[in-house]
């Protein structure tokens, strides 16, 4: 496979972004469906559920991005592949949230 010149951290954190986007959408739905448990816990943890949500998203993004970089996952993927993955992830995340609230 041809070296694309895209660094391992770029690839790793792009993939981490895609996963975090999907996780965030699923977490929105989970919070809404479990107001007495998950939503209440997230409110109690930081004072507001969106703060807890943001912290969880940041932790997943940073830890997953770092872990993927350490193992070299997808190190030779092209920019087009990464763009398609990110775009698909954001569109699917949007559809998950919109579909739940419609």
N, C-alpha and C. Protein backbone atom coordinates (compact mmCIF):
# COMPACT_ATOMS: atom_id res chain seq x y z
N UNK A 1 0.84 -1.18 0.00
CA UNK A 1 0.00 0.00 0.00
C UNK A 1 0.89 1.24 0.00
N UNK A 2 0.48 2.25 -0.70
CA UNK A 2 1.25 3.49 -0.83
C UNK A 2 1.19 4.32 0.45
N UNK A 3 2.32 4.91 0.81
CA UNK A 3 2.35 5.80 1.97
C UNK A 3 1.64 7.10 1.61
N UNK A 4 0.60 7.44 2.34
CA UNK A 4 -0.20 8.62 2.01
C UNK A 4 0.36 9.90 2.62
N UNK A 5 1.30 9.80 3.51
CA UNK A 5 1.85 10.98 4.16
C UNK A 5 1.00 11.48 5.31
N UNK A 6 -0.09 10.80 5.59
CA UNK A 6 -0.93 11.18 6.72
C UNK A 6 -0.38 10.49 7.96
N UNK A 7 -0.12 11.25 8.99
CA UNK A 7 0.49 10.71 10.19
C UNK A 7 -0.44 9.81 10.99
N UNK A 8 0.18 8.99 11.82
CA UNK A 8 -0.61 8.04 12.62
C UNK A 8 -1.55 8.74 13.58
N UNK A 9 -1.16 9.91 14.07
CA UNK A 9 -2.03 10.63 14.99
C UNK A 9 -3.24 11.23 14.26
N UNK A 10 -3.03 11.67 13.04
CA UNK A 10 -4.14 12.19 12.25
C UNK A 10 -5.17 11.10 12.01
N UNK A 11 -4.70 9.94 11.57
CA UNK A 11 -5.60 8.82 11.32
C UNK A 11 -6.28 8.38 12.61
N UNK A 12 -5.50 8.21 13.66
CA UNK A 12 -6.04 7.72 14.92
C UNK A 12 -7.08 8.65 15.51
N UNK A 13 -6.82 9.93 15.50
CA UNK A 13 -7.77 10.86 16.09
C UNK A 13 -8.96 11.12 15.17
N UNK A 14 -8.80 10.94 13.87
CA UNK A 14 -9.95 11.00 12.97
C UNK A 14 -10.90 9.84 13.26
N UNK A 15 -10.34 8.66 13.44
CA UNK A 15 -11.16 7.50 13.79
C UNK A 15 -11.78 7.67 15.17
N UNK A 16 -11.03 8.22 16.10
CA UNK A 16 -11.57 8.46 17.44
C UNK A 16 -12.72 9.47 17.38
N UNK A 17 -12.61 10.45 16.50
CA UNK A 17 -13.69 11.41 16.32
C UNK A 17 -14.95 10.72 15.82
N UNK A 18 -14.79 9.84 14.83
CA UNK A 18 -15.93 9.12 14.26
C UNK A 18 -16.63 8.28 15.32
N UNK A 19 -15.85 7.56 16.11
CA UNK A 19 -16.42 6.73 17.17
C UNK A 19 -17.08 7.59 18.24
N UNK A 20 -16.43 8.67 18.62
CA UNK A 20 -16.97 9.56 19.65
C UNK A 20 -18.27 10.20 19.19
N UNK A 21 -18.36 10.53 17.93
CA UNK A 21 -19.59 11.11 17.38
C UNK A 21 -20.74 10.13 17.54
N UNK A 22 -20.51 8.89 17.18
CA UNK A 22 -21.56 7.87 17.32
C UNK A 22 -21.90 7.61 18.78
N UNK A 23 -20.89 7.52 19.62
CA UNK A 23 -21.12 7.32 21.04
C UNK A 23 -21.94 8.45 21.64
N UNK A 24 -21.64 9.66 21.24
CA UNK A 24 -22.35 10.82 21.75
C UNK A 24 -23.83 10.76 21.37
N UNK A 25 -24.11 10.37 20.15
CA UNK A 25 -25.51 10.25 19.71
C UNK A 25 -26.24 9.16 20.50
N UNK A 26 -25.59 8.04 20.69
CA UNK A 26 -26.19 6.95 21.47
C UNK A 26 -26.40 7.39 22.92
N UNK A 27 -25.47 8.15 23.45
CA UNK A 27 -25.59 8.64 24.83
C UNK A 27 -26.77 9.60 24.97
N UNK A 28 -27.02 10.43 23.96
CA UNK A 28 -28.18 11.33 23.99
C UNK A 28 -29.46 10.51 24.11
N UNK A 29 -29.58 9.48 23.28
CA UNK A 29 -30.77 8.63 23.31
C UNK A 29 -30.87 7.89 24.64
N UNK A 30 -29.75 7.36 25.11
CA UNK A 30 -29.75 6.62 26.37
C UNK A 30 -30.17 7.51 27.53
N UNK A 31 -29.69 8.74 27.57
CA UNK A 31 -30.07 9.67 28.64
C UNK A 31 -31.56 9.96 28.62
N UNK A 32 -32.10 10.17 27.43
CA UNK A 32 -33.52 10.47 27.30
C UNK A 32 -34.40 9.29 27.68
N UNK A 33 -33.94 8.10 27.42
CA UNK A 33 -34.73 6.90 27.74
C UNK A 33 -34.58 6.46 29.19
N UNK A 34 -33.57 6.96 29.87
CA UNK A 34 -33.29 6.56 31.25
C UNK A 34 -33.12 7.78 32.15
N UNK A 35 -34.16 8.58 32.22
CA UNK A 35 -34.08 9.82 32.99
C UNK A 35 -33.89 9.59 34.48
N UNK A 36 -34.45 8.53 35.00
CA UNK A 36 -34.36 8.28 36.44
C UNK A 36 -33.02 7.67 36.85
N UNK A 37 -32.31 7.10 35.91
CA UNK A 37 -31.04 6.45 36.27
C UNK A 37 -29.85 7.19 35.64
N UNK A 38 -29.64 7.00 34.35
CA UNK A 38 -28.45 7.56 33.69
C UNK A 38 -28.45 9.09 33.73
N UNK A 39 -29.55 9.69 33.33
CA UNK A 39 -29.62 11.16 33.32
C UNK A 39 -29.45 11.72 34.73
N UNK A 40 -30.09 11.09 35.70
CA UNK A 40 -29.96 11.55 37.09
C UNK A 40 -28.53 11.41 37.58
N UNK A 41 -27.88 10.30 37.23
CA UNK A 41 -26.49 10.10 37.64
C UNK A 41 -25.58 11.15 37.01
N UNK A 42 -25.80 11.42 35.71
CA UNK A 42 -24.96 12.41 35.03
C UNK A 42 -25.17 13.81 35.59
N UNK A 43 -26.39 14.14 35.98
CA UNK A 43 -26.66 15.44 36.63
C UNK A 43 -25.95 15.51 37.97
N UNK A 44 -26.02 14.44 38.73
CA UNK A 44 -25.40 14.42 40.06
C UNK A 44 -23.88 14.45 39.98
N UNK A 45 -23.32 13.85 38.95
CA UNK A 45 -21.86 13.74 38.84
C UNK A 45 -21.18 15.10 38.66
N UNK A 46 -21.78 15.99 37.87
CA UNK A 46 -21.12 17.26 37.58
C UNK A 46 -22.01 18.48 37.74
N UNK A 47 -23.26 18.27 38.11
CA UNK A 47 -24.17 19.39 38.26
C UNK A 47 -25.09 19.59 37.07
N UNK A 48 -24.69 19.10 35.91
CA UNK A 48 -25.54 19.17 34.72
C UNK A 48 -25.16 18.02 33.79
N UNK A 49 -26.17 17.39 33.21
CA UNK A 49 -25.89 16.21 32.39
C UNK A 49 -25.07 16.52 31.15
N UNK A 50 -25.18 17.73 30.60
CA UNK A 50 -24.38 18.06 29.41
C UNK A 50 -22.91 18.22 29.75
N UNK A 51 -22.60 18.63 30.96
CA UNK A 51 -21.18 18.70 31.37
C UNK A 51 -20.62 17.29 31.46
N UNK A 52 -21.36 16.39 32.07
CA UNK A 52 -20.93 14.99 32.15
C UNK A 52 -20.80 14.39 30.75
N UNK A 53 -21.74 14.69 29.90
CA UNK A 53 -21.73 14.20 28.53
C UNK A 53 -20.46 14.68 27.81
N UNK A 54 -20.16 15.94 27.94
CA UNK A 54 -18.97 16.50 27.30
C UNK A 54 -17.69 15.89 27.83
N UNK A 55 -17.62 15.68 29.13
CA UNK A 55 -16.43 15.07 29.73
C UNK A 55 -16.25 13.65 29.21
N UNK A 56 -17.34 12.89 29.16
CA UNK A 56 -17.26 11.52 28.63
C UNK A 56 -16.81 11.53 27.17
N UNK A 57 -17.36 12.43 26.37
CA UNK A 57 -16.95 12.53 24.97
C UNK A 57 -15.46 12.86 24.84
N UNK A 58 -15.00 13.82 25.62
CA UNK A 58 -13.59 14.19 25.56
C UNK A 58 -12.67 13.04 25.99
N UNK A 59 -13.07 12.35 27.05
CA UNK A 59 -12.27 11.21 27.51
C UNK A 59 -12.18 10.11 26.44
N UNK A 60 -13.31 9.78 25.85
CA UNK A 60 -13.32 8.75 24.80
C UNK A 60 -12.45 9.19 23.63
N UNK A 61 -12.61 10.43 23.19
CA UNK A 61 -11.85 10.94 22.06
C UNK A 61 -10.35 10.88 22.31
N UNK A 62 -9.91 11.42 23.43
CA UNK A 62 -8.48 11.48 23.73
C UNK A 62 -7.90 10.09 23.98
N UNK A 63 -8.56 9.30 24.81
CA UNK A 63 -8.03 7.97 25.13
C UNK A 63 -8.04 7.03 23.93
N UNK A 64 -9.13 7.05 23.17
CA UNK A 64 -9.20 6.19 21.99
C UNK A 64 -8.21 6.65 20.92
N UNK A 65 -8.12 7.93 20.70
CA UNK A 65 -7.16 8.46 19.72
C UNK A 65 -5.74 8.08 20.08
N UNK A 66 -5.38 8.23 21.33
CA UNK A 66 -4.04 7.88 21.79
C UNK A 66 -3.80 6.38 21.65
N UNK A 67 -4.78 5.57 22.07
CA UNK A 67 -4.62 4.11 22.00
C UNK A 67 -4.48 3.64 20.56
N UNK A 68 -5.29 4.17 19.66
CA UNK A 68 -5.18 3.78 18.25
C UNK A 68 -3.84 4.18 17.67
N UNK A 69 -3.33 5.33 18.07
CA UNK A 69 -2.02 5.77 17.58
C UNK A 69 -0.91 4.84 18.08
N UNK A 70 -1.03 4.36 19.30
CA UNK A 70 0.00 3.49 19.86
C UNK A 70 0.06 2.15 19.14
N UNK A 71 -1.09 1.65 18.70
CA UNK A 71 -1.07 0.36 18.01
C UNK A 71 -0.94 0.51 16.50
N UNK A 72 -0.96 1.75 16.01
CA UNK A 72 -0.78 2.01 14.59
C UNK A 72 -1.96 1.60 13.74
N UNK A 73 -3.16 1.59 14.30
CA UNK A 73 -4.35 1.17 13.59
C UNK A 73 -4.65 2.11 12.42
N UNK A 74 -4.77 1.57 11.23
CA UNK A 74 -5.14 2.34 10.05
C UNK A 74 -4.10 3.37 9.63
N UNK A 75 -2.84 3.13 9.95
CA UNK A 75 -1.80 4.12 9.72
C UNK A 75 -1.63 4.52 8.26
N UNK A 76 -2.03 3.69 7.35
CA UNK A 76 -1.84 4.00 5.93
C UNK A 76 -3.14 4.32 5.20
N UNK A 77 -4.16 4.66 5.92
CA UNK A 77 -5.42 5.00 5.28
C UNK A 77 -5.31 6.35 4.60
N UNK A 78 -6.01 6.51 3.51
CA UNK A 78 -5.95 7.76 2.75
C UNK A 78 -6.89 8.80 3.34
N UNK A 79 -6.68 10.02 2.92
CA UNK A 79 -7.54 11.11 3.35
C UNK A 79 -8.97 10.91 2.89
N UNK A 80 -9.15 10.33 1.70
CA UNK A 80 -10.50 10.07 1.19
C UNK A 80 -11.24 9.06 2.07
N UNK A 81 -10.53 8.03 2.50
CA UNK A 81 -11.15 7.03 3.38
C UNK A 81 -11.54 7.67 4.71
N UNK A 82 -10.64 8.45 5.27
CA UNK A 82 -10.94 9.12 6.54
C UNK A 82 -12.11 10.09 6.40
N UNK A 83 -12.14 10.83 5.30
CA UNK A 83 -13.24 11.76 5.07
C UNK A 83 -14.57 11.02 4.98
N UNK A 84 -14.57 9.89 4.29
CA UNK A 84 -15.79 9.11 4.16
C UNK A 84 -16.24 8.56 5.51
N UNK A 85 -15.29 8.10 6.32
CA UNK A 85 -15.62 7.57 7.64
C UNK A 85 -16.19 8.67 8.53
N UNK A 86 -15.55 9.82 8.54
CA UNK A 86 -16.00 10.93 9.37
C UNK A 86 -17.38 11.42 8.92
N UNK A 87 -17.54 11.60 7.62
CA UNK A 87 -18.82 12.06 7.09
C UNK A 87 -19.93 11.07 7.42
N UNK A 88 -19.67 9.80 7.20
CA UNK A 88 -20.67 8.77 7.50
C UNK A 88 -21.04 8.76 8.98
N UNK A 89 -20.04 8.91 9.82
CA UNK A 89 -20.26 8.91 11.26
C UNK A 89 -21.12 10.08 11.69
N UNK A 90 -20.82 11.26 11.18
CA UNK A 90 -21.59 12.45 11.56
C UNK A 90 -23.02 12.37 11.03
N UNK A 91 -23.18 11.90 9.80
CA UNK A 91 -24.53 11.76 9.24
C UNK A 91 -25.33 10.73 10.04
N UNK A 92 -24.72 9.58 10.32
CA UNK A 92 -25.41 8.55 11.08
C UNK A 92 -25.75 9.03 12.49
N UNK A 93 -24.83 9.74 13.12
CA UNK A 93 -25.09 10.30 14.45
C UNK A 93 -26.27 11.26 14.42
N UNK A 94 -26.31 12.09 13.41
CA UNK A 94 -27.43 13.04 13.26
C UNK A 94 -28.75 12.31 13.05
N UNK A 95 -28.71 11.26 12.23
CA UNK A 95 -29.92 10.48 11.99
C UNK A 95 -30.40 9.75 13.25
N UNK A 96 -29.47 9.28 14.05
CA UNK A 96 -29.83 8.61 15.31
C UNK A 96 -30.58 9.58 16.22
N UNK A 97 -30.03 10.76 16.39
CA UNK A 97 -30.65 11.76 17.27
C UNK A 97 -31.98 12.24 16.68
N UNK A 98 -31.98 12.61 15.40
CA UNK A 98 -33.21 13.10 14.78
C UNK A 98 -34.28 12.01 14.78
N UNK A 99 -33.88 10.79 14.47
CA UNK A 99 -34.83 9.70 14.45
C UNK A 99 -35.46 9.43 15.82
N UNK A 100 -34.69 9.61 16.84
CA UNK A 100 -35.21 9.40 18.20
C UNK A 100 -36.24 10.47 18.56
N UNK A 101 -35.96 11.71 18.21
CA UNK A 101 -36.84 12.80 18.62
C UNK A 101 -38.03 13.01 17.68
N UNK A 102 -38.02 12.38 16.52
CA UNK A 102 -39.14 12.57 15.59
C UNK A 102 -40.29 11.68 15.94
